[in-house]
Amino acid sequence: MTQSTQAATSLTMTRRIKGNREDVFAAWTDPEIFRRWWGPPGTTTTAAEIDARVGGAYRVTMRLPDGEIVYLSGKFLEVERPTKLVYTWAWEEDDGIGHESRVTITFASAGEETDVTLLHEQLASEESRDRHAHGWIGCFDNLTKMFSGKEA
């Protein structure tokens, strides 16, 4: 029973990116590169602050298609350059930080390409998992375009 609850609030996906592991890892940790690809379709990442070290924090500012500004923030729990990132994930709400979940990203070399695997767990509900899956697919699509020479 516990396993199905955990599975219901977790999502995993893998995408092969045309770029070496160091460059793909940098796309996740360098704020200037990150801003170019981050976000689901229709959103714009207007600011990114990333302190990619254990205990370091990040904060991302995004403009949604309707013009609303939202903030995502968290702390890095593990940073193994260029193979793994683990960090907390929470949307900032009017009354403070919302539900906190956990993201693990692994970067595996595949010749001149990189397999990026996402595990997003401890989401608040199945509905939340489904919304985040939509967002992550958009992020991965943008990352793939950027590394294919087609700007996101």
Foldseek 3Di string as FASTA:
>chain_A
DVVVQFVLFKDKDKDKAQAFLQVLQCCVAPFVNVQQQAWAPQKHFPGKDHDPDAQTKIKIWMQHNVRDIWMKMWGWHDDDPRFKTKIKIFTADPVGTDDIWIKMWGWDGDDRITMIMIMITPHPGSVRVVVVVNTVVRSSVQSRCVRVVNTD
